[in-house]
Amino acid sequence: MKDPYSVLGVSRDASPEEIKRAYRDLARKYHPDNYVGNDLADLAQEKMKEINEAYDTITQGAAPRSSGSNERWGGPAGAGQGVYATIRQLINANRLSEAEQLLGQQTDHSAEWYFCRGSVLYRRGWYDEATRNFQTAASMEPSNAEYRQAAAHVRQGPVYDASPGGGAYGRTAGLSMCDCCSAMLCADCCCSAARCC
């Protein structure tokens, strides 16, 4: 593997914030969704894999994980997870302003941050911005199926709930994030089945 610092274009004494910023900039530039239908799609996929590996190597090397623990830089396991669990609860309760306020207080814009931000934007009906946030989350953690499914689903546009008081899916239809994922899985299966016919 290449030197992870040179892959990200940062010096060995770069701060965690500089490393994260460099990673995010490269992830936006080389995200495979930017190269759909392009001859460079395979190259972008490889580059994104290299960027992810470099970032993981640096962050895991900075604070090695202890056996059975989920420690990374920035503190003990789960330090930021309690905040994101609260943010998800607020989103599910449609308390979007409070969720946004908590997101605004977070300095580490992790994949979970982008996913939650995308969820807030989606419920507000700002689909383009939601798409960008979901895609960033998926590119930062490509192995996370929830992030990938959200990015794929939002590209298809809003789904409308025809029931009384319904509206755009995820906004006023009263669906939880679990309902959102279930609907996305069903939609994906239906799309796959339709392509086979």
N, C-alpha and C. Protein backbone atom coordinates (compact mmCIF):
# COMPACT_ATOMS: atom_id res chain seq x y z
N MET A 1 0.84 -1.19 0.00
CA MET A 1 0.00 0.00 0.00
C MET A 1 0.88 1.25 0.00
N LYS A 2 0.44 2.28 -0.69
CA LYS A 2 1.17 3.55 -0.73
C LYS A 2 1.14 4.21 0.64
N ASP A 3 2.05 5.16 0.82
CA ASP A 3 2.07 5.91 2.07
C ASP A 3 0.73 6.62 2.24
N PRO A 4 0.00 6.34 3.32
CA PRO A 4 -1.34 6.92 3.48
C PRO A 4 -1.35 8.44 3.53
N TYR A 5 -0.29 9.03 4.07
CA TYR A 5 -0.22 10.49 4.15
C TYR A 5 -0.09 11.11 2.77
N SER A 6 0.71 10.47 1.90
CA SER A 6 0.84 11.01 0.55
C SER A 6 -0.43 10.78 -0.26
N VAL A 7 -1.16 9.70 0.01
CA VAL A 7 -2.43 9.46 -0.68
C VAL A 7 -3.41 10.59 -0.37
N LEU A 8 -3.45 11.00 0.90
CA LEU A 8 -4.36 12.08 1.31
C LEU A 8 -3.76 13.46 1.05
N GLY A 9 -2.47 13.50 0.74
CA GLY A 9 -1.83 14.78 0.46
C GLY A 9 -1.62 15.64 1.68
N VAL A 10 -1.32 14.99 2.81
CA VAL A 10 -1.08 15.73 4.06
C VAL A 10 0.28 15.34 4.62
N SER A 11 0.82 16.20 5.46
CA SER A 11 2.11 15.90 6.10
C SER A 11 1.87 14.97 7.29
N ARG A 12 2.95 14.34 7.74
CA ARG A 12 2.84 13.41 8.87
C ARG A 12 2.48 14.10 10.18
N ASP A 13 2.70 15.40 10.25
CA ASP A 13 2.34 16.13 11.47
C ASP A 13 1.02 16.89 11.32
N ALA A 14 0.22 16.52 10.32
CA ALA A 14 -1.09 17.16 10.12
C ALA A 14 -2.00 16.87 11.31
N SER A 15 -2.83 17.83 11.63
CA SER A 15 -3.77 17.66 12.74
C SER A 15 -4.91 16.74 12.29
N PRO A 16 -5.64 16.15 13.23
CA PRO A 16 -6.79 15.31 12.85
C PRO A 16 -7.79 16.07 11.97
N GLU A 17 -7.98 17.37 12.25
CA GLU A 17 -8.92 18.16 11.46
C GLU A 17 -8.43 18.30 10.01
N GLU A 18 -7.12 18.53 9.84
CA GLU A 18 -6.56 18.66 8.48
C GLU A 18 -6.69 17.34 7.72
N ILE A 19 -6.48 16.23 8.42
CA ILE A 19 -6.59 14.91 7.78
C ILE A 19 -8.03 14.65 7.37
N LYS A 20 -8.97 14.95 8.25
CA LYS A 20 -10.39 14.76 7.93
C LYS A 20 -10.81 15.64 6.76
N ARG A 21 -10.34 16.89 6.77
CA ARG A 21 -10.69 17.81 5.68
C ARG A 21 -10.14 17.31 4.34
N ALA A 22 -8.89 16.85 4.36
CA ALA A 22 -8.28 16.32 3.13
C ALA A 22 -9.04 15.10 2.64
N TYR A 23 -9.41 14.23 3.58
CA TYR A 23 -10.18 13.03 3.22
C TYR A 23 -11.52 13.40 2.58
N ARG A 24 -12.24 14.31 3.22
CA ARG A 24 -13.55 14.70 2.71
C ARG A 24 -13.44 15.34 1.32
N ASP A 25 -12.43 16.18 1.13
CA ASP A 25 -12.24 16.82 -0.18
C ASP A 25 -11.98 15.79 -1.26
N LEU A 26 -11.11 14.82 -0.96
CA LEU A 26 -10.81 13.77 -1.94
C LEU A 26 -12.02 12.87 -2.18
N ALA A 27 -12.76 12.58 -1.10
CA ALA A 27 -13.95 11.72 -1.24
C ALA A 27 -14.98 12.39 -2.14
N ARG A 28 -15.15 13.69 -2.01
CA ARG A 28 -16.09 14.39 -2.89
C ARG A 28 -15.61 14.37 -4.34
N LYS A 29 -14.30 14.53 -4.52
CA LYS A 29 -13.74 14.59 -5.88
C LYS A 29 -13.82 13.25 -6.59
N TYR A 30 -13.51 12.17 -5.89
CA TYR A 30 -13.40 10.86 -6.53
C TYR A 30 -14.58 9.94 -6.28
N HIS A 31 -15.66 10.45 -5.68
CA HIS A 31 -16.81 9.59 -5.42
C HIS A 31 -17.29 8.95 -6.72
N PRO A 32 -17.48 7.64 -6.75
CA PRO A 32 -17.88 6.94 -7.98
C PRO A 32 -19.16 7.49 -8.62
N ASP A 33 -20.05 8.07 -7.84
CA ASP A 33 -21.28 8.62 -8.41
C ASP A 33 -21.00 9.78 -9.37
N ASN A 34 -19.84 10.42 -9.21
CA ASN A 34 -19.47 11.51 -10.11
C ASN A 34 -19.03 11.01 -11.48
N TYR A 35 -18.80 9.70 -11.59
CA TYR A 35 -18.25 9.14 -12.82
C TYR A 35 -19.15 8.09 -13.47
N VAL A 36 -20.42 8.08 -13.12
CA VAL A 36 -21.35 7.12 -13.70
C VAL A 36 -21.40 7.33 -15.21
N GLY A 37 -21.23 6.25 -15.98
CA GLY A 37 -21.27 6.33 -17.43
C GLY A 37 -20.02 6.93 -18.04
N ASN A 38 -19.00 7.13 -17.22
CA ASN A 38 -17.76 7.74 -17.69
C ASN A 38 -16.70 6.65 -17.81
N ASP A 39 -15.79 6.81 -18.75
CA ASP A 39 -14.70 5.84 -18.91
C ASP A 39 -13.80 5.76 -17.69
N LEU A 40 -13.83 6.78 -16.85
CA LEU A 40 -12.98 6.83 -15.67
C LEU A 40 -13.63 6.23 -14.43
N ALA A 41 -14.81 5.61 -14.58
CA ALA A 41 -15.55 5.08 -13.42
C ALA A 41 -14.73 4.06 -12.63
N ASP A 42 -14.07 3.13 -13.32
CA ASP A 42 -13.28 2.10 -12.62
C ASP A 42 -12.09 2.73 -11.89
N LEU A 43 -11.47 3.70 -12.53
CA LEU A 43 -10.34 4.38 -11.93
C LEU A 43 -10.77 5.15 -10.67
N ALA A 44 -11.92 5.81 -10.76
CA ALA A 44 -12.45 6.54 -9.60
C ALA A 44 -12.75 5.59 -8.45
N GLN A 45 -13.31 4.43 -8.78
CA GLN A 45 -13.63 3.41 -7.76
C GLN A 45 -12.35 2.97 -7.03
N GLU A 46 -11.30 2.71 -7.80
CA GLU A 46 -10.02 2.31 -7.21
C GLU A 46 -9.43 3.43 -6.35
N LYS A 47 -9.51 4.65 -6.86
CA LYS A 47 -8.97 5.80 -6.12
C LYS A 47 -9.72 5.97 -4.80
N MET A 48 -11.05 5.82 -4.84
CA MET A 48 -11.85 5.97 -3.63
C MET A 48 -11.49 4.89 -2.62
N LYS A 49 -11.24 3.68 -3.09
CA LYS A 49 -10.83 2.59 -2.20
C LYS A 49 -9.49 2.93 -1.55
N GLU A 50 -8.56 3.44 -2.35
CA GLU A 50 -7.24 3.82 -1.84
C GLU A 50 -7.36 4.93 -0.79
N ILE A 51 -8.23 5.91 -1.05
CA ILE A 51 -8.44 7.02 -0.12
C ILE A 51 -9.02 6.51 1.20
N ASN A 52 -10.02 5.64 1.11
CA ASN A 52 -10.63 5.07 2.32
C ASN A 52 -9.61 4.28 3.14
N GLU A 53 -8.80 3.46 2.46
CA GLU A 53 -7.79 2.67 3.17
C GLU A 53 -6.75 3.57 3.83
N ALA A 54 -6.34 4.62 3.13
CA ALA A 54 -5.35 5.55 3.70
C ALA A 54 -5.92 6.22 4.95
N TYR A 55 -7.15 6.68 4.86
CA TYR A 55 -7.77 7.36 6.00
C TYR A 55 -7.90 6.40 7.19
N ASP A 56 -8.37 5.18 6.92
CA ASP A 56 -8.50 4.19 7.99
C ASP A 56 -7.15 3.87 8.63
N THR A 57 -6.13 3.74 7.80
CA THR A 57 -4.79 3.43 8.31
C THR A 57 -4.30 4.54 9.23
N ILE A 58 -4.47 5.78 8.81
CA ILE A 58 -4.00 6.91 9.63
C ILE A 58 -4.80 7.01 10.92
N THR A 59 -6.12 6.95 10.81
CA THR A 59 -6.94 7.15 12.02
C THR A 59 -6.80 5.98 12.98
N GLN A 60 -6.73 4.77 12.48
CA GLN A 60 -6.58 3.62 13.37
C GLN A 60 -5.17 3.56 13.95
N GLY A 61 -4.20 4.05 13.18
CA GLY A 61 -2.82 4.09 13.67
C GLY A 61 -2.62 5.14 14.74
N ALA A 62 -3.41 6.23 14.65
CA ALA A 62 -3.28 7.32 15.62
C ALA A 62 -3.77 6.93 16.99
N ALA A 63 -4.78 6.08 17.02
CA ALA A 63 -5.30 5.58 18.29
C ALA A 63 -5.69 4.13 18.07
N PRO A 64 -4.74 3.21 18.20
CA PRO A 64 -5.02 1.82 17.90
C PRO A 64 -6.20 1.29 18.69
N ARG A 65 -6.96 0.46 18.02
CA ARG A 65 -8.12 -0.13 18.69
C ARG A 65 -7.64 -1.20 19.65
N SER A 66 -8.23 -1.21 20.83
CA SER A 66 -7.91 -2.28 21.76
C SER A 66 -8.85 -3.43 21.45
N SER A 67 -8.46 -4.62 21.83
CA SER A 67 -9.25 -5.79 21.45
C SER A 67 -10.66 -5.67 22.00
N GLY A 68 -11.61 -5.91 21.11
CA GLY A 68 -13.01 -5.86 21.49
C GLY A 68 -13.57 -4.46 21.64
N SER A 69 -12.74 -3.44 21.46
CA SER A 69 -13.25 -2.08 21.64
C SER A 69 -13.43 -1.42 20.30
N ASN A 70 -14.13 -0.33 20.32
CA ASN A 70 -14.40 0.40 19.08
C ASN A 70 -13.71 1.75 19.13
N GLU A 71 -12.58 1.85 19.82
CA GLU A 71 -11.92 3.14 19.99
C GLU A 71 -11.31 3.62 18.70
N ARG A 72 -11.43 4.91 18.49
CA ARG A 72 -10.76 5.62 17.41
C ARG A 72 -10.28 6.92 18.01
N TRP A 73 -9.63 7.73 17.20
CA TRP A 73 -9.25 9.04 17.71
C TRP A 73 -10.44 9.75 18.28
N GLY A 74 -10.28 10.77 18.94
CA GLY A 74 -11.40 11.57 19.40
C GLY A 74 -12.02 11.03 20.66
N GLY A 75 -11.45 10.04 21.28
CA GLY A 75 -11.99 9.62 22.56
C GLY A 75 -12.40 8.18 22.60
N PRO A 76 -12.99 7.78 23.74
CA PRO A 76 -13.36 6.40 23.94
C PRO A 76 -14.51 5.98 23.05
N ALA A 77 -14.70 4.68 22.99
CA ALA A 77 -15.75 4.12 22.15
C ALA A 77 -17.09 4.73 22.50
N GLY A 78 -17.81 5.11 21.46
CA GLY A 78 -19.16 5.61 21.65
C GLY A 78 -19.26 7.03 22.16
N ALA A 79 -18.15 7.75 22.25
CA ALA A 79 -18.21 9.11 22.81
C ALA A 79 -19.18 9.98 22.04
N GLY A 80 -19.16 9.88 20.72
CA GLY A 80 -20.06 10.69 19.91
C GLY A 80 -21.35 9.98 19.57
N GLN A 81 -21.43 8.69 19.87
CA GLN A 81 -22.59 7.93 19.44
C GLN A 81 -23.85 8.30 20.21
N GLY A 82 -23.72 8.69 21.48
CA GLY A 82 -24.90 9.09 22.25
C GLY A 82 -25.58 10.29 21.64
N VAL A 83 -24.80 11.23 21.14
CA VAL A 83 -25.35 12.43 20.50
C VAL A 83 -26.11 12.03 19.25
N TYR A 84 -25.53 11.13 18.45
CA TYR A 84 -26.18 10.75 17.20
C TYR A 84 -27.44 9.91 17.45
N ALA A 85 -27.45 9.14 18.52
CA ALA A 85 -28.68 8.40 18.87
C ALA A 85 -29.78 9.40 19.21
N THR A 86 -29.42 10.45 19.94
CA THR A 86 -30.38 11.50 20.29
C THR A 86 -30.87 12.22 19.03
N ILE A 87 -29.93 12.53 18.13
CA ILE A 87 -30.29 13.21 16.88
C ILE A 87 -31.24 12.36 16.06
N ARG A 88 -30.98 11.05 15.98
CA ARG A 88 -31.89 10.15 15.24
C ARG A 88 -33.28 10.13 15.87
N GLN A 89 -33.33 10.12 17.20
CA GLN A 89 -34.63 10.14 17.88
C GLN A 89 -35.38 11.43 17.56
N LEU A 90 -34.68 12.54 17.55
CA LEU A 90 -35.32 13.83 17.24
C LEU A 90 -35.84 13.83 15.80
N ILE A 91 -35.06 13.27 14.88
CA ILE A 91 -35.50 13.21 13.49
C ILE A 91 -36.75 12.34 13.37
N ASN A 92 -36.73 11.19 14.03
CA ASN A 92 -37.90 10.30 13.99
C ASN A 92 -39.14 10.94 14.59
N ALA A 93 -38.93 11.83 15.57
CA ALA A 93 -40.06 12.54 16.20
C ALA A 93 -40.42 13.81 15.41
N ASN A 94 -39.74 14.02 14.28
CA ASN A 94 -39.96 15.18 13.41
C ASN A 94 -39.63 16.50 14.12
N ARG A 95 -38.71 16.44 15.07
CA ARG A 95 -38.24 17.64 15.77
C ARG A 95 -36.94 18.08 15.08
N LEU A 96 -37.11 18.55 13.85
CA LEU A 96 -35.99 18.79 12.95
C LEU A 96 -35.11 19.96 13.39
N SER A 97 -35.71 21.01 13.93
CA SER A 97 -34.91 22.16 14.36
C SER A 97 -33.96 21.77 15.49
N GLU A 98 -34.46 20.95 16.42
CA GLU A 98 -33.61 20.50 17.53
C GLU A 98 -32.50 19.59 17.02
N ALA A 99 -32.84 18.72 16.07
CA ALA A 99 -31.83 17.83 15.48
C ALA A 99 -30.76 18.65 14.77
N GLU A 100 -31.20 19.66 14.02
CA GLU A 100 -30.25 20.53 13.30
C GLU A 100 -29.35 21.28 14.27
N GLN A 101 -29.92 21.72 15.38
CA GLN A 101 -29.13 22.45 16.37
C GLN A 101 -28.03 21.56 16.95
N LEU A 102 -28.38 20.31 17.27
CA LEU A 102 -27.38 19.38 17.79
C LEU A 102 -26.32 19.06 16.74
N LEU A 103 -26.74 18.90 15.49
CA LEU A 103 -25.78 18.64 14.41
C LEU A 103 -24.81 19.82 14.27
N GLY A 104 -25.34 21.03 14.41
CA GLY A 104 -24.50 22.21 14.29
C GLY A 104 -23.45 22.32 15.38
N GLN A 105 -23.68 21.66 16.49
CA GLN A 105 -22.72 21.70 17.61
C GLN A 105 -21.59 20.69 17.44
N GLN A 106 -21.73 19.76 16.49
CA GLN A 106 -20.71 18.73 16.29
C GLN A 106 -19.60 19.26 15.39
N THR A 107 -18.36 19.13 15.85
CA THR A 107 -17.23 19.61 15.05
C THR A 107 -16.67 18.52 14.14
N ASP A 108 -16.86 17.28 14.52
CA ASP A 108 -16.37 16.16 13.72
C ASP A 108 -17.47 15.73 12.75
N HIS A 109 -17.33 16.10 11.51
CA HIS A 109 -18.34 15.74 10.51
C HIS A 109 -18.05 14.36 9.95
N SER A 110 -18.50 13.37 10.70
CA SER A 110 -18.31 11.96 10.35
C SER A 110 -19.37 11.53 9.34
N ALA A 111 -19.28 10.29 8.90
CA ALA A 111 -20.28 9.75 7.98
C ALA A 111 -21.67 9.80 8.63
N GLU A 112 -21.74 9.51 9.91
CA GLU A 112 -23.03 9.55 10.62
C GLU A 112 -23.58 10.97 10.65
N TRP A 113 -22.70 11.96 10.79
CA TRP A 113 -23.13 13.36 10.75
C TRP A 113 -23.79 13.67 9.41
N TYR A 114 -23.13 13.28 8.32
CA TYR A 114 -23.68 13.54 6.99
C TYR A 114 -24.99 12.79 6.78
N PHE A 115 -25.07 11.56 7.30
CA PHE A 115 -26.31 10.79 7.15
C PHE A 115 -27.46 11.49 7.89
N CYS A 116 -27.22 11.89 9.14
CA CYS A 116 -28.27 12.57 9.91
C CYS A 116 -28.64 13.90 9.27
N ARG A 117 -27.66 14.63 8.80
CA ARG A 117 -27.93 15.90 8.12
C ARG A 117 -28.77 15.66 6.87
N GLY A 118 -28.42 14.62 6.11
CA GLY A 118 -29.21 14.27 4.94
C GLY A 118 -30.65 13.91 5.30
N SER A 119 -30.82 13.22 6.43
CA SER A 119 -32.17 12.84 6.88
C SER A 119 -33.00 14.07 7.21
N VAL A 120 -32.39 15.05 7.88
CA VAL A 120 -33.09 16.29 8.20
C VAL A 120 -33.48 17.02 6.92
N LEU A 121 -32.53 17.15 6.00
CA LEU A 121 -32.80 17.85 4.74
C LEU A 121 -33.87 17.14 3.92
N TYR A 122 -33.84 15.83 3.92
CA TYR A 122 -34.84 15.06 3.18
C TYR A 122 -36.23 15.32 3.73
N ARG A 123 -36.35 15.30 5.05
CA ARG A 123 -37.66 15.55 5.66
C ARG A 123 -38.14 16.97 5.43
N ARG A 124 -37.22 17.88 5.24
CA ARG A 124 -37.60 19.26 4.94
C ARG A 124 -37.94 19.44 3.45
N GLY A 125 -37.66 18.42 2.65
CA GLY A 125 -37.97 18.49 1.23
C GLY A 125 -36.85 19.05 0.38
N TRP A 126 -35.66 19.16 0.93
CA TRP A 126 -34.51 19.69 0.20
C TRP A 126 -33.72 18.51 -0.35
N TYR A 127 -34.24 17.92 -1.42
CA TYR A 127 -33.74 16.63 -1.91
C TYR A 127 -32.33 16.70 -2.50
N ASP A 128 -31.99 17.79 -3.19
CA ASP A 128 -30.64 17.90 -3.76
C ASP A 128 -29.59 17.92 -2.67
N GLU A 129 -29.83 18.73 -1.64
CA GLU A 129 -28.87 18.80 -0.53
C GLU A 129 -28.84 17.48 0.23
N ALA A 130 -30.01 16.86 0.41
CA ALA A 130 -30.07 15.56 1.09
C ALA A 130 -29.25 14.54 0.32
N THR A 131 -29.39 14.54 -1.00
CA THR A 131 -28.64 13.61 -1.85
C THR A 131 -27.15 13.78 -1.64
N ARG A 132 -26.67 15.02 -1.64
CA ARG A 132 -25.24 15.26 -1.46
C ARG A 132 -24.75 14.75 -0.10
N ASN A 133 -25.54 14.97 0.93
CA ASN A 133 -25.14 14.50 2.26
C ASN A 133 -25.14 12.98 2.36
N PHE A 134 -26.17 12.33 1.82
CA PHE A 134 -26.23 10.87 1.84
C PHE A 134 -25.06 10.28 1.04
N GLN A 135 -24.75 10.88 -0.11
CA GLN A 135 -23.64 10.38 -0.93
C GLN A 135 -22.31 10.55 -0.21
N THR A 136 -22.15 11.66 0.50
CA THR A 136 -20.91 11.86 1.26
C THR A 136 -20.79 10.81 2.36
N ALA A 137 -21.88 10.55 3.07
CA ALA A 137 -21.86 9.52 4.12
C ALA A 137 -21.49 8.16 3.52
N ALA A 138 -22.10 7.82 2.39
CA ALA A 138 -21.83 6.53 1.75
C ALA A 138 -20.40 6.45 1.24
N SER A 139 -19.85 7.56 0.75
CA SER A 139 -18.47 7.52 0.27
C SER A 139 -17.47 7.44 1.42
N MET A 140 -17.82 8.01 2.57
CA MET A 140 -16.93 7.96 3.72
C MET A 140 -16.92 6.57 4.35
N GLU A 141 -18.08 5.89 4.31
CA GLU A 141 -18.18 4.53 4.85
C GLU A 141 -18.91 3.65 3.85
N PRO A 142 -18.21 3.24 2.78
CA PRO A 142 -18.87 2.48 1.72
C PRO A 142 -19.41 1.13 2.17
N SER A 143 -18.95 0.62 3.29
CA SER A 143 -19.45 -0.68 3.76
C SER A 143 -20.76 -0.54 4.54
N ASN A 144 -21.21 0.68 4.80
CA ASN A 144 -22.43 0.89 5.56
C ASN A 144 -23.64 0.84 4.62
N ALA A 145 -24.41 -0.23 4.73
CA ALA A 145 -25.55 -0.45 3.83
C ALA A 145 -26.63 0.62 4.01
N GLU A 146 -26.83 1.09 5.23
CA GLU A 146 -27.85 2.10 5.49
C GLU A 146 -27.54 3.38 4.72
N TYR A 147 -26.27 3.80 4.74
CA TYR A 147 -25.87 5.01 4.05
C TYR A 147 -26.01 4.84 2.53
N ARG A 148 -25.57 3.68 2.02
CA ARG A 148 -25.66 3.42 0.58
C ARG A 148 -27.11 3.40 0.11
N GLN A 149 -27.98 2.76 0.89
CA GLN A 149 -29.39 2.67 0.51
C GLN A 149 -30.05 4.04 0.53
N ALA A 150 -29.71 4.85 1.51
CA ALA A 150 -30.30 6.20 1.58
C ALA A 150 -29.87 7.01 0.36
N ALA A 151 -28.59 6.92 -0.01
CA ALA A 151 -28.09 7.66 -1.18
C ALA A 151 -28.78 7.18 -2.45
N ALA A 152 -28.97 5.87 -2.57
CA ALA A 152 -29.62 5.32 -3.77
C ALA A 152 -31.09 5.71 -3.81
N HIS A 153 -31.74 5.66 -2.66
CA HIS A 153 -33.18 5.95 -2.60
C HIS A 153 -33.49 7.40 -2.92
N VAL A 154 -32.73 8.31 -2.36
CA VAL A 154 -33.05 9.73 -2.52
C VAL A 154 -32.83 10.18 -3.96
N ARG A 155 -31.95 9.49 -4.70
CA ARG A 155 -31.75 9.82 -6.11
C ARG A 155 -33.00 9.56 -6.93
N GLN A 156 -33.87 8.66 -6.44
CA GLN A 156 -35.10 8.34 -7.16
C GLN A 156 -36.18 9.39 -6.96
N GLY A 157 -35.96 10.32 -6.04
CA GLY A 157 -36.93 11.38 -5.80
C GLY A 157 -37.88 11.02 -4.69
N PRO A 158 -38.72 11.96 -4.28
CA PRO A 158 -39.63 11.74 -3.16
C PRO A 158 -40.73 10.74 -3.52
N VAL A 159 -41.13 9.99 -2.53
CA VAL A 159 -42.26 9.07 -2.67
C VAL A 159 -43.41 9.71 -1.90
N TYR A 160 -44.58 9.73 -2.47
CA TYR A 160 -45.69 10.41 -1.81
C TYR A 160 -46.63 9.44 -1.14
N ASP A 161 -47.09 9.85 0.02
CA ASP A 161 -48.04 9.09 0.81
C ASP A 161 -49.42 9.65 0.49
N ALA A 162 -50.31 8.82 -0.05
CA ALA A 162 -51.63 9.28 -0.48
C ALA A 162 -52.65 9.29 0.66
N SER A 163 -52.26 8.83 1.84
CA SER A 163 -53.21 8.79 2.94
C SER A 163 -53.54 10.21 3.41
N PRO A 164 -54.67 10.40 4.10
CA PRO A 164 -55.03 11.74 4.58
C PRO A 164 -53.92 12.30 5.47
N GLY A 165 -53.52 13.52 5.17
CA GLY A 165 -52.46 14.15 5.95
C GLY A 165 -51.07 13.71 5.53
N GLY A 166 -51.01 12.84 4.51
CA GLY A 166 -49.71 12.36 4.04
C GLY A 166 -49.02 13.43 3.23
N GLY A 167 -47.85 13.13 2.81
CA GLY A 167 -47.08 14.08 2.01
C GLY A 167 -45.87 13.40 1.46
N ALA A 168 -44.80 14.14 1.33
CA ALA A 168 -43.56 13.55 0.82
C ALA A 168 -43.05 12.54 1.84
N TYR A 169 -42.63 11.42 1.34
CA TYR A 169 -42.10 10.35 2.17
C TYR A 169 -40.98 10.88 3.05
N GLY A 170 -41.05 10.56 4.33
CA GLY A 170 -40.01 10.98 5.25
C GLY A 170 -40.22 12.37 5.81
N ARG A 171 -41.15 13.14 5.24
CA ARG A 171 -41.35 14.49 5.73
C ARG A 171 -42.59 14.53 6.62
N THR A 172 -43.76 14.41 6.02
CA THR A 172 -44.97 14.48 6.83
C THR A 172 -45.74 13.17 6.82
N ALA A 173 -45.18 12.16 6.20
CA ALA A 173 -45.88 10.88 6.14
C ALA A 173 -45.80 10.15 7.47
N GLY A 174 -44.99 10.64 8.40
CA GLY A 174 -44.91 10.05 9.72
C GLY A 174 -44.09 8.77 9.75
N LEU A 175 -43.19 8.57 8.84
CA LEU A 175 -42.38 7.37 8.80
C LEU A 175 -41.13 7.55 9.64
N SER A 176 -40.72 6.50 10.31
CA SER A 176 -39.48 6.55 11.06
C SER A 176 -38.31 6.22 10.15
N MET A 177 -37.09 6.37 10.67
CA MET A 177 -35.92 6.04 9.86
C MET A 177 -35.90 4.55 9.55
N CYS A 178 -36.43 3.71 10.44
CA CYS A 178 -36.51 2.28 10.16
C CYS A 178 -37.48 2.04 9.00
N ASP A 179 -38.63 2.74 9.01
CA ASP A 179 -39.57 2.64 7.91
C ASP A 179 -38.91 3.07 6.61
N CYS A 180 -38.09 4.12 6.71
CA CYS A 180 -37.38 4.64 5.55
C CYS A 180 -36.50 3.55 4.94
N CYS A 181 -35.72 2.87 5.79
CA CYS A 181 -34.82 1.82 5.29
C CYS A 181 -35.62 0.65 4.72
N SER A 182 -36.70 0.28 5.41
CA SER A 182 -37.53 -0.83 4.92
C SER A 182 -38.12 -0.50 3.56
N ALA A 183 -38.60 0.72 3.41
CA ALA A 183 -39.17 1.14 2.13
C ALA A 183 -38.12 1.13 1.04
N MET A 184 -36.90 1.56 1.40
CA MET A 184 -35.83 1.59 0.40
C MET A 184 -35.47 0.18 -0.04
N LEU A 185 -35.43 -0.77 0.91
CA LEU A 185 -35.13 -2.15 0.55
C LEU A 185 -36.22 -2.72 -0.36
N CYS A 186 -37.48 -2.44 -0.03
CA CYS A 186 -38.60 -2.92 -0.86
C CYS A 186 -38.52 -2.32 -2.25
N ALA A 187 -38.25 -1.02 -2.32
CA ALA A 187 -38.16 -0.34 -3.62
C ALA A 187 -37.03 -0.93 -4.45
N ASP A 188 -35.92 -1.22 -3.79
CA ASP A 188 -34.78 -1.80 -4.50
C ASP A 188 -35.13 -3.18 -5.04
N CYS A 189 -35.80 -3.99 -4.23
CA CYS A 189 -36.21 -5.33 -4.68
C CYS A 189 -37.19 -5.23 -5.85
N CYS A 190 -38.14 -4.29 -5.77
CA CYS A 190 -39.11 -4.12 -6.85
C CYS A 190 -38.43 -3.68 -8.14
N CYS A 191 -37.48 -2.76 -8.02
CA CYS A 191 -36.75 -2.29 -9.19
C CYS A 191 -35.95 -3.43 -9.82
N SER A 192 -35.33 -4.24 -8.96
CA SER A 192 -34.55 -5.38 -9.47
C SER A 192 -35.46 -6.37 -10.18
N ALA A 193 -36.62 -6.62 -9.59
CA ALA A 193 -37.56 -7.58 -10.19
C ALA A 193 -38.08 -7.03 -11.53
N ALA A 194 -38.33 -5.73 -11.59
CA ALA A 194 -38.86 -5.13 -12.81
C ALA A 194 -37.82 -5.21 -13.95
N ARG A 195 -36.54 -5.08 -13.59
CA ARG A 195 -35.49 -5.16 -14.60
C ARG A 195 -35.39 -6.57 -15.17
N CYS A 196 -35.72 -7.58 -14.36
CA CYS A 196 -35.63 -8.98 -14.82
C CYS A 196 -36.74 -9.33 -15.77
N CYS A 197 -37.88 -8.64 -15.67
CA CYS A 197 -39.06 -8.98 -16.49
C CYS A 197 -38.94 -8.44 -17.89
